[in-house]
C-alpha atoms as a PDB file:
ATOM      1  CA  MET A   1       0.000   0.000   0.000  1.00  0.00           C
ATOM      2  CA  LYS A   2       2.822   2.428   0.856  1.00  0.00           C
ATOM      3  CA  VAL A   3       4.436   1.709  -2.493  1.00  0.00           C
ATOM      4  CA  VAL A   4       1.164   2.462  -4.298  1.00  0.00           C
ATOM      5  CA  MET A   5       0.685   5.723  -2.365  1.00  0.00           C
ATOM      6  CA  ILE A   6       4.240   6.869  -3.074  1.00  0.00           C
ATOM      7  CA  ALA A   7       3.916   5.996  -6.754  1.00  0.00           C
ATOM      8  CA  THR A   8       0.617   7.876  -6.995  1.00  0.00           C
ATOM      9  CA  THR A   9       2.057  10.971  -5.315  1.00  0.00           C
ATOM     10  CA  VAL A  10       5.087  11.031  -7.593  1.00  0.00           C
ATOM     11  CA  THR A  11       2.864  10.614 -10.644  1.00  0.00           C
ATOM     12  CA  MET A  12       0.665  13.545  -9.586  1.00  0.00           C
ATOM     13  CA  LEU A  13       3.639  15.790  -8.933  1.00  0.00           C
ATOM     14  CA  THR A  14       5.362  15.038 -12.219  1.00  0.00           C
ATOM     15  CA  SER A  15       2.460  14.502 -14.591  1.00  0.00           C
ATOM     16  CA  ALA A  16       1.747  18.195 -15.221  1.00  0.00           C
ATOM     17  CA  PRO A  17       5.261  19.257 -16.299  1.00  0.00           C
ATOM     18  CA  LEU A  18       5.798  16.012 -18.236  1.00  0.00           C
ATOM     19  CA  LEU A  19       2.523  16.530 -20.059  1.00  0.00           C
ATOM     20  CA  ALA A  20       3.411  20.155 -20.744  1.00  0.00           C
ATOM     21  CA  GLN A  21       6.662  19.110 -22.398  1.00  0.00           C
ATOM     22  CA  THR A  22       4.857  16.769 -24.826  1.00  0.00           C
ATOM     23  CA  GLU A  23       2.134  19.225 -25.818  1.00  0.00           C
ATOM     24  CA  ARG A  24       2.666  21.069 -29.082  1.00  0.00           C
ATOM     25  CA  GLY A  25       1.572  24.544 -28.055  1.00  0.00           C
ATOM     26  CA  TYR A  26      -0.717  26.795 -26.054  1.00  0.00           C
ATOM     27  CA  ALA A  27      -3.106  29.735 -26.264  1.00  0.00           C
ATOM     28  CA  THR A  28      -3.624  32.144 -23.360  1.00  0.00           C
ATOM     29  CA  GLY A  29      -5.736  35.202 -22.661  1.00  0.00           C
ATOM     30  CA  ALA A  30      -4.654  37.493 -19.829  1.00  0.00           C
ATOM     31  CA  GLY A  31      -5.230  40.863 -18.244  1.00  0.00           C
ATOM     32  CA  GLY A  32      -3.461  42.943 -15.632  1.00  0.00           C
ATOM     33  CA  PHE A  33      -1.744  46.275 -15.125  1.00  0.00           C
ATOM     34  CA  ALA A  34       1.411  48.083 -16.176  1.00  0.00           C
ATOM     35  CA  VAL A  35       3.087  50.884 -14.218  1.00  0.00           C
ATOM     36  CA  THR A  36       4.933  53.717 -16.016  1.00  0.00           C
ATOM     37  CA  THR A  37       6.384  57.002 -14.789  1.00  0.00           C
ATOM     38  CA  ASP A  38       3.096  58.646 -15.864  1.00  0.00           C
ATOM     39  CA  THR A  39       0.380  56.329 -14.704  1.00  0.00           C
ATOM     40  CA  THR A  40      -0.854  52.829 -13.968  1.00  0.00           C
ATOM     41  CA  SER A  41      -2.457  51.390 -17.083  1.00  0.00           C
ATOM     42  CA  GLY A  42      -4.718  48.422 -17.659  1.00  0.00           C
ATOM     43  CA  ASN A  43      -3.191  45.789 -19.908  1.00  0.00           C
ATOM     44  CA  ALA A  44      -4.962  43.034 -21.884  1.00  0.00           C
ATOM     45  CA  MET A  45      -3.376  40.486 -24.218  1.00  0.00           C
ATOM     46  CA  GLY A  46      -3.759  37.274 -26.133  1.00  0.00           C
ATOM     47  CA  GLU A  47      -0.805  34.958 -26.712  1.00  0.00           C
ATOM     48  CA  ALA A  48      -0.200  31.708 -28.583  1.00  0.00           C
ATOM     49  CA  GLY A  49       2.918  29.581 -28.889  1.00  0.00           C
ATOM     50  CA  VAL A  50       4.230  26.476 -30.663  1.00  0.00           C
ATOM     51  CA  ARG A  51       6.947  24.141 -29.383  1.00  0.00           C
ATOM     52  CA  ILE A  52      10.151  24.075 -31.435  1.00  0.00           C
ATOM     53  CA  ALA A  53      12.375  22.120 -29.018  1.00  0.00           C
ATOM     54  CA  PRO A  54      12.164  20.503 -25.565  1.00  0.00           C
ATOM     55  CA  HIS A  55      11.353  23.277 -23.052  1.00  0.00           C
ATOM     56  CA  LEU A  56      11.400  25.938 -25.835  1.00  0.00           C
ATOM     57  CA  LEU A  57       8.486  27.551 -27.678  1.00  0.00           C
ATOM     58  CA  VAL A  58       8.123  30.404 -30.150  1.00  0.00           C
ATOM     59  CA  PHE A  59       5.193  32.745 -29.396  1.00  0.00           C
ATOM     60  CA  GLY A  60       3.233  35.634 -30.815  1.00  0.00           C
ATOM     61  CA  GLU A  61       1.262  38.137 -28.781  1.00  0.00           C
ATOM     62  CA  LEU A  62      -1.273  40.899 -29.427  1.00  0.00           C
ATOM     63  CA  GLY A  63      -2.240  43.276 -26.636  1.00  0.00           C
ATOM     64  CA  GLN A  64      -3.249  46.753 -25.554  1.00  0.00           C
ATOM     65  CA  PHE A  65      -2.157  49.245 -22.918  1.00  0.00           C
ATOM     66  CA  ARG A  66      -5.174  51.403 -22.049  1.00  0.00           C
ATOM     67  CA  ASN A  67      -3.189  54.543 -21.184  1.00  0.00           C
ATOM     68  CA  LEU A  68       0.536  54.368 -21.639  1.00  0.00           C
ATOM     69  CA  GLN A  69       1.988  57.907 -21.832  1.00  0.00           C
ATOM     70  CA  PRO A  70      -0.584  60.654 -21.108  1.00  0.00           C
ATOM     71  CA  SER A  71       1.953  63.339 -20.157  1.00  0.00           C
ATOM     72  CA  GLU A  72       3.127  63.561 -23.795  1.00  0.00           C
ATOM     73  CA  THR A  73      -0.351  64.778 -24.786  1.00  0.00           C
ATOM     74  CA  GLN A  74      -1.418  66.515 -21.584  1.00  0.00           C
ATOM     75  CA  SER A  75       0.747  69.549 -22.314  1.00  0.00           C
ATOM     76  CA  VAL A  76      -1.129  70.121 -25.594  1.00  0.00           C
ATOM     77  CA  VAL A  77      -4.453  69.687 -23.790  1.00  0.00           C
ATOM     78  CA  ASP A  78      -3.417  72.141 -21.077  1.00  0.00           C
ATOM     79  CA  SER A  79      -2.386  74.800 -23.606  1.00  0.00           C
ATOM     80  CA  THR A  80      -5.724  74.406 -25.393  1.00  0.00           C
ATOM     81  CA  THR A  81      -7.593  74.789 -22.104  1.00  0.00           C
ATOM     82  CA  ALA A  82      -5.650  77.970 -21.285  1.00  0.00           C
ATOM     83  CA  SER A  83      -6.185  79.394 -24.782  1.00  0.00           C
ATOM     84  CA  LEU A  84      -9.951  78.803 -24.677  1.00  0.00           C
ATOM     85  CA  ALA A  85     -10.202  80.557 -21.309  1.00  0.00           C
ATOM     86  CA  ALA A  86      -8.114  83.537 -22.454  1.00  0.00           C
ATOM     87  CA  THR A  87      -9.590  84.102 -25.927  1.00  0.00           C
ATOM     88  CA  GLN A  88     -13.200  82.870 -25.613  1.00  0.00           C
ATOM     89  CA  GLY A  89     -13.925  82.936 -21.894  1.00  0.00           C
ATOM     90  CA  LEU A  90     -14.666  79.213 -22.174  1.00  0.00           C
ATOM     91  CA  ALA A  91     -13.845  77.062 -19.154  1.00  0.00           C
ATOM     92  CA  VAL A  92     -13.219  73.377 -19.840  1.00  0.00           C
ATOM     93  CA  VAL A  93     -11.467  70.474 -18.136  1.00  0.00           C
ATOM     94  CA  GLY A  94      -9.213  68.535 -20.460  1.00  0.00           C
ATOM     95  CA  THR A  95      -7.705  65.099 -19.947  1.00  0.00           C
ATOM     96  CA  ALA A  96      -5.337  63.136 -22.165  1.00  0.00           C
ATOM     97  CA  ARG A  97      -5.000  59.416 -22.835  1.00  0.00           C
ATOM     98  CA  VAL A  98      -2.548  57.449 -24.945  1.00  0.00           C
ATOM     99  CA  PRO A  99      -3.791  53.906 -25.545  1.00  0.00           C
ATOM    100  CA  ALA A 100      -1.359  51.656 -27.383  1.00  0.00           C
ATOM    101  CA  TRP A 101      -1.888  48.441 -29.322  1.00  0.00           C
ATOM    102  CA  TYR A 102       1.169  46.235 -29.579  1.00  0.00           C
ATOM    103  CA  SER A 103       2.329  43.070 -31.269  1.00  0.00           C
ATOM    104  CA  VAL A 104       5.433  41.093 -30.293  1.00  0.00           C
ATOM    105  CA  GLY A 105       6.966  37.739 -31.071  1.00  0.00           C
ATOM    106  CA  GLY A 106       9.711  35.840 -29.298  1.00  0.00           C
ATOM    107  CA  LEU A 107      10.808  32.803 -27.352  1.00  0.00           C
ATOM    108  CA  ARG A 108       9.476  31.196 -24.179  1.00  0.00           C
ATOM    109  CA  TYR A 109      11.574  28.803 -22.109  1.00  0.00           C
ATOM    110  CA  GLU A 110       9.847  26.378 -19.751  1.00  0.00           C
ATOM    111  CA  ILE A 111      11.978  25.676 -16.676  1.00  0.00           C
ATOM    112  CA  PRO A 112      12.069  21.930 -15.849  1.00  0.00           C
ATOM    113  CA  THR A 113      10.513  21.110 -12.488  1.00  0.00           C
ATOM    114  CA  ARG A 114       9.068  18.137 -10.629  1.00  0.00           C
ATOM    115  CA  SER A 115       6.202  20.060  -9.087  1.00  0.00           C
ATOM    116  CA  ARG A 116       2.783  20.754 -10.559  1.00  0.00           C
ATOM    117  CA  LEU A 117       3.889  24.322 -11.189  1.00  0.00           C
ATOM    118  CA  SER A 118       5.384  25.093 -14.601  1.00  0.00           C
ATOM    119  CA  PRO A 119       7.564  28.248 -14.428  1.00  0.00           C
ATOM    120  CA  TYR A 120       8.792  29.972 -17.587  1.00  0.00           C
ATOM    121  CA  LEU A 121      10.854  32.886 -18.918  1.00  0.00           C
ATOM    122  CA  SER A 122      10.105  34.851 -22.083  1.00  0.00           C
ATOM    123  CA  ALA A 123      11.559  37.551 -24.319  1.00  0.00           C
ATOM    124  CA  GLY A 124      10.056  39.212 -27.372  1.00  0.00           C
ATOM    125  CA  VAL A 125      10.418  42.078 -29.848  1.00  0.00           C
ATOM    126  CA  GLY A 126       7.809  43.922 -31.878  1.00  0.00           C
ATOM    127  CA  PHE A 127       6.002  47.222 -32.335  1.00  0.00           C
ATOM    128  CA  ALA A 128       3.561  49.451 -30.445  1.00  0.00           C
ATOM    129  CA  ARG A 129       1.008  51.765 -32.059  1.00  0.00           C
ATOM    130  CA  LEU A 130       0.390  54.801 -29.837  1.00  0.00           C
ATOM    131  CA  THR A 131      -2.845  56.726 -30.503  1.00  0.00           C
ATOM    132  CA  PRO A 132      -3.124  59.920 -28.410  1.00  0.00           C
ATOM    133  CA  THR A 133      -6.650  61.090 -27.584  1.00  0.00           C
ATOM    134  CA  ALA A 134      -8.136  63.889 -25.491  1.00  0.00           C
ATOM    135  CA  GLN A 135     -11.452  64.678 -23.857  1.00  0.00           C
ATOM    136  CA  PHE A 136     -12.754  68.137 -22.928  1.00  0.00           C
ATOM    137  CA  MET A 137     -15.603  68.527 -20.429  1.00  0.00           C
ATOM    138  CA  TYR A 138     -17.608  71.772 -20.425  1.00  0.00           C
ATOM    139  CA  SER A 139     -17.635  73.909 -17.280  1.00  0.00           C
ATOM    140  CA  SER A 140     -18.873  77.390 -18.263  1.00  0.00           C
ATOM    141  CA  GLY A 141     -18.904  79.979 -21.036  1.00  0.00           C
ATOM    142  CA  THR A 142     -20.194  80.013 -24.600  1.00  0.00           C
ATOM    143  CA  LEU A 143     -18.988  77.831 -27.463  1.00  0.00           C
ATOM    144  CA  ALA A 144     -18.012  79.250 -30.838  1.00  0.00           C
ATOM    145  CA  ASP A 145     -21.425  78.280 -32.242  1.00  0.00           C
ATOM    146  CA  GLY A 146     -23.190  80.242 -29.493  1.00  0.00           C
ATOM    147  CA  SER A 147     -24.365  77.225 -27.509  1.00  0.00           C
ATOM    148  CA  THR A 148     -24.029  76.673 -23.772  1.00  0.00           C
ATOM    149  CA  PRO A 149     -23.997  72.930 -23.024  1.00  0.00           C
ATOM    150  CA  THR A 150     -24.864  71.366 -19.697  1.00  0.00           C
ATOM    151  CA  ALA A 151     -22.003  71.423 -17.213  1.00  0.00           C
ATOM    152  CA  GLY A 152     -20.014  68.207 -17.452  1.00  0.00           C
ATOM    153  CA  SER A 153     -20.886  67.590 -21.121  1.00  0.00           C
ATOM    154  CA  ASP A 154     -18.223  66.228 -23.464  1.00  0.00           C
ATOM    155  CA  ILE A 155     -17.547  68.980 -26.036  1.00  0.00           C
ATOM    156  CA  THR A 156     -14.452  67.453 -27.642  1.00  0.00           C
ATOM    157  CA  THR A 157     -16.177  67.017 -31.018  1.00  0.00           C
ATOM    158  CA  GLN A 158     -17.284  70.674 -31.088  1.00  0.00           C
ATOM    159  CA  LEU A 159     -13.790  71.936 -30.269  1.00  0.00           C
ATOM    160  CA  VAL A 160     -12.216  69.783 -32.979  1.00  0.00           C
ATOM    161  CA  ALA A 161     -14.817  70.906 -35.534  1.00  0.00           C
ATOM    162  CA  ALA A 162     -14.178  74.551 -34.639  1.00  0.00           C
ATOM    163  CA  GLY A 163     -10.426  74.080 -35.088  1.00  0.00           C
ATOM    164  CA  ASP A 164      -9.683  74.781 -31.438  1.00  0.00           C
ATOM    165  CA  PHE A 165      -7.972  71.439 -30.904  1.00  0.00           C
ATOM    166  CA  THR A 166      -6.168  68.887 -33.038  1.00  0.00           C
ATOM    167  CA  ALA A 167      -5.050  65.656 -31.426  1.00  0.00           C
ATOM    168  CA  PRO A 168      -1.362  64.760 -31.862  1.00  0.00           C
ATOM    169  CA  PRO A 169      -0.844  62.163 -34.620  1.00  0.00           C
ATOM    170  CA  ALA A 170      -0.584  58.454 -33.907  1.00  0.00           C
ATOM    171  CA  SER A 171       2.895  56.923 -34.044  1.00  0.00           C
ATOM    172  CA  THR A 172       4.515  53.513 -34.251  1.00  0.00           C
ATOM    173  CA  ALA A 173       7.536  52.580 -32.150  1.00  0.00           C
ATOM    174  CA  ALA A 174       9.675  49.496 -31.691  1.00  0.00           C
ATOM    175  CA  MET A 175       9.394  47.683 -28.378  1.00  0.00           C
ATOM    176  CA  PHE A 176      10.756  44.672 -26.542  1.00  0.00           C
ATOM    177  CA  THR A 177       9.503  42.652 -23.600  1.00  0.00           C
ATOM    178  CA  LEU A 178      11.088  40.521 -20.898  1.00  0.00           C
ATOM    179  CA  GLY A 179       9.116  38.474 -18.457  1.00  0.00           C
ATOM    180  CA  GLY A 180       8.429  35.343 -16.545  1.00  0.00           C
ATOM    181  CA  GLY A 181       5.630  33.546 -14.814  1.00  0.00           C
ATOM    182  CA  VAL A 182       4.146  30.273 -13.773  1.00  0.00           C
ATOM    183  CA  GLU A 183       1.380  28.038 -15.079  1.00  0.00           C
ATOM    184  CA  ILE A 184      -0.757  26.148 -12.571  1.00  0.00           C
ATOM    185  CA  PRO A 185      -2.759  23.261 -14.081  1.00  0.00           C
ATOM    186  CA  VAL A 186      -6.400  23.166 -13.043  1.00  0.00           C
ATOM    187  CA  ALA A 187      -7.765  20.531 -15.458  1.00  0.00           C
ATOM    188  CA  ARG A 188      -6.589  18.472 -18.399  1.00  0.00           C
ATOM    189  CA  HIS A 189      -5.116  20.919 -20.960  1.00  0.00           C
ATOM    190  CA  TRP A 190      -6.209  23.951 -18.900  1.00  0.00           C
ATOM    191  CA  ALA A 191      -4.032  26.130 -16.651  1.00  0.00           C
ATOM    192  CA  VAL A 192      -4.074  29.408 -14.754  1.00  0.00           C
ATOM    193  CA  ASP A 193      -1.219  31.727 -15.726  1.00  0.00           C
ATOM    194  CA  ALA A 194       0.349  34.406 -13.497  1.00  0.00           C
ATOM    195  CA  GLY A 195       3.273  36.454 -14.751  1.00  0.00           C
ATOM    196  CA  TYR A 196       5.471  39.540 -14.595  1.00  0.00           C
ATOM    197  CA  ARG A 197       6.245  41.658 -17.643  1.00  0.00           C
ATOM    198  CA  PHE A 198       8.733  44.445 -18.403  1.00  0.00           C
ATOM    199  CA  SER A 199       8.223  46.379 -21.649  1.00  0.00           C
ATOM    200  CA  ARG A 200      10.259  49.159 -23.221  1.00  0.00           C
ATOM    201  CA  VAL A 201       8.741  51.257 -26.008  1.00  0.00           C
ATOM    202  CA  ALA A 202      11.143  53.329 -28.103  1.00  0.00           C
ATOM    203  CA  ALA A 203       8.753  56.285 -28.566  1.00  0.00           C
ATOM    204  CA  ASP A 204       9.994  59.874 -29.054  1.00  0.00           C
ATOM    205  CA  THR A 205      10.391  59.838 -25.291  1.00  0.00           C
ATOM    206  CA  PRO A 206      11.296  56.178 -24.549  1.00  0.00           C
ATOM    207  CA  LEU A 207       9.254  54.681 -21.757  1.00  0.00           C
ATOM    208  CA  ASN A 208       9.303  51.619 -19.554  1.00  0.00           C
ATOM    209  CA  ALA A 209       6.273  49.725 -18.297  1.00  0.00           C
ATOM    210  CA  GLN A 210       6.242  46.888 -15.816  1.00  0.00           C
ATOM    211  CA  GLY A 211       3.487  45.001 -14.089  1.00  0.00           C
ATOM    212  CA  ALA A 212       1.625  41.761 -13.491  1.00  0.00           C
ATOM    213  CA  THR A 213      -0.728  39.712 -15.649  1.00  0.00           C
ATOM    214  CA  PHE A 214      -3.215  36.980 -14.773  1.00  0.00           C
ATOM    215  CA  GLY A 215      -4.911  34.708 -17.268  1.00  0.00           C
ATOM    216  CA  PHE A 216      -6.273  31.349 -18.342  1.00  0.00           C
ATOM    217  CA  GLY A 217      -4.722  29.138 -20.994  1.00  0.00           C
ATOM    218  CA  TYR A 218      -5.287  25.998 -23.045  1.00  0.00           C
ATOM    219  CA  ARG A 219      -2.486  23.609 -24.020  1.00  0.00           C
ATOM    220  CA  PHE A 220      -2.831  21.344 -27.046  1.00  0.00           C
END
């Protein structure tokens, strides 16, 4: 009986990593956050990989930072706000956002282990598409067309149409990522994924983002 119990325990502890090494690939969806010098941004991504050698997979990833570098646009928003107050007597509150879609590809190394946990390291290179946006909320005064909206209304469209504001153009920048994490099997072929990610985007003002992601993946 002791022999059977020991054999069963060893099988349970080693089956997950052994199975992972024989599977051809994976697909994972994850979300989390990324911290920059400007802000803390939400981060969502989808990733898929295919095994090319024992412990080694090649992966591709598509994701989005919800607000990566607002300070680059906030100065333009602030100058517009000041100009409207000085020239038109129009009081508005302006906020800037810079969401960024990104796509990277790279390598993922699965660290051998005899536990049910499957740790890994990853590195990738790719591009990020930064799309600055702004929103202006009405406080008081009269718009160029003579209207006086309700306080708190979004008047961004009216200001753009009147030529009072033009959003900075979108841009594309190279980026790379470094990270690591662990997969925890919860059912056959299914695993919870928790990881850490560092990203560097070579924008006009290069920026670093780092944070945690949590997701759910399928191995096949």
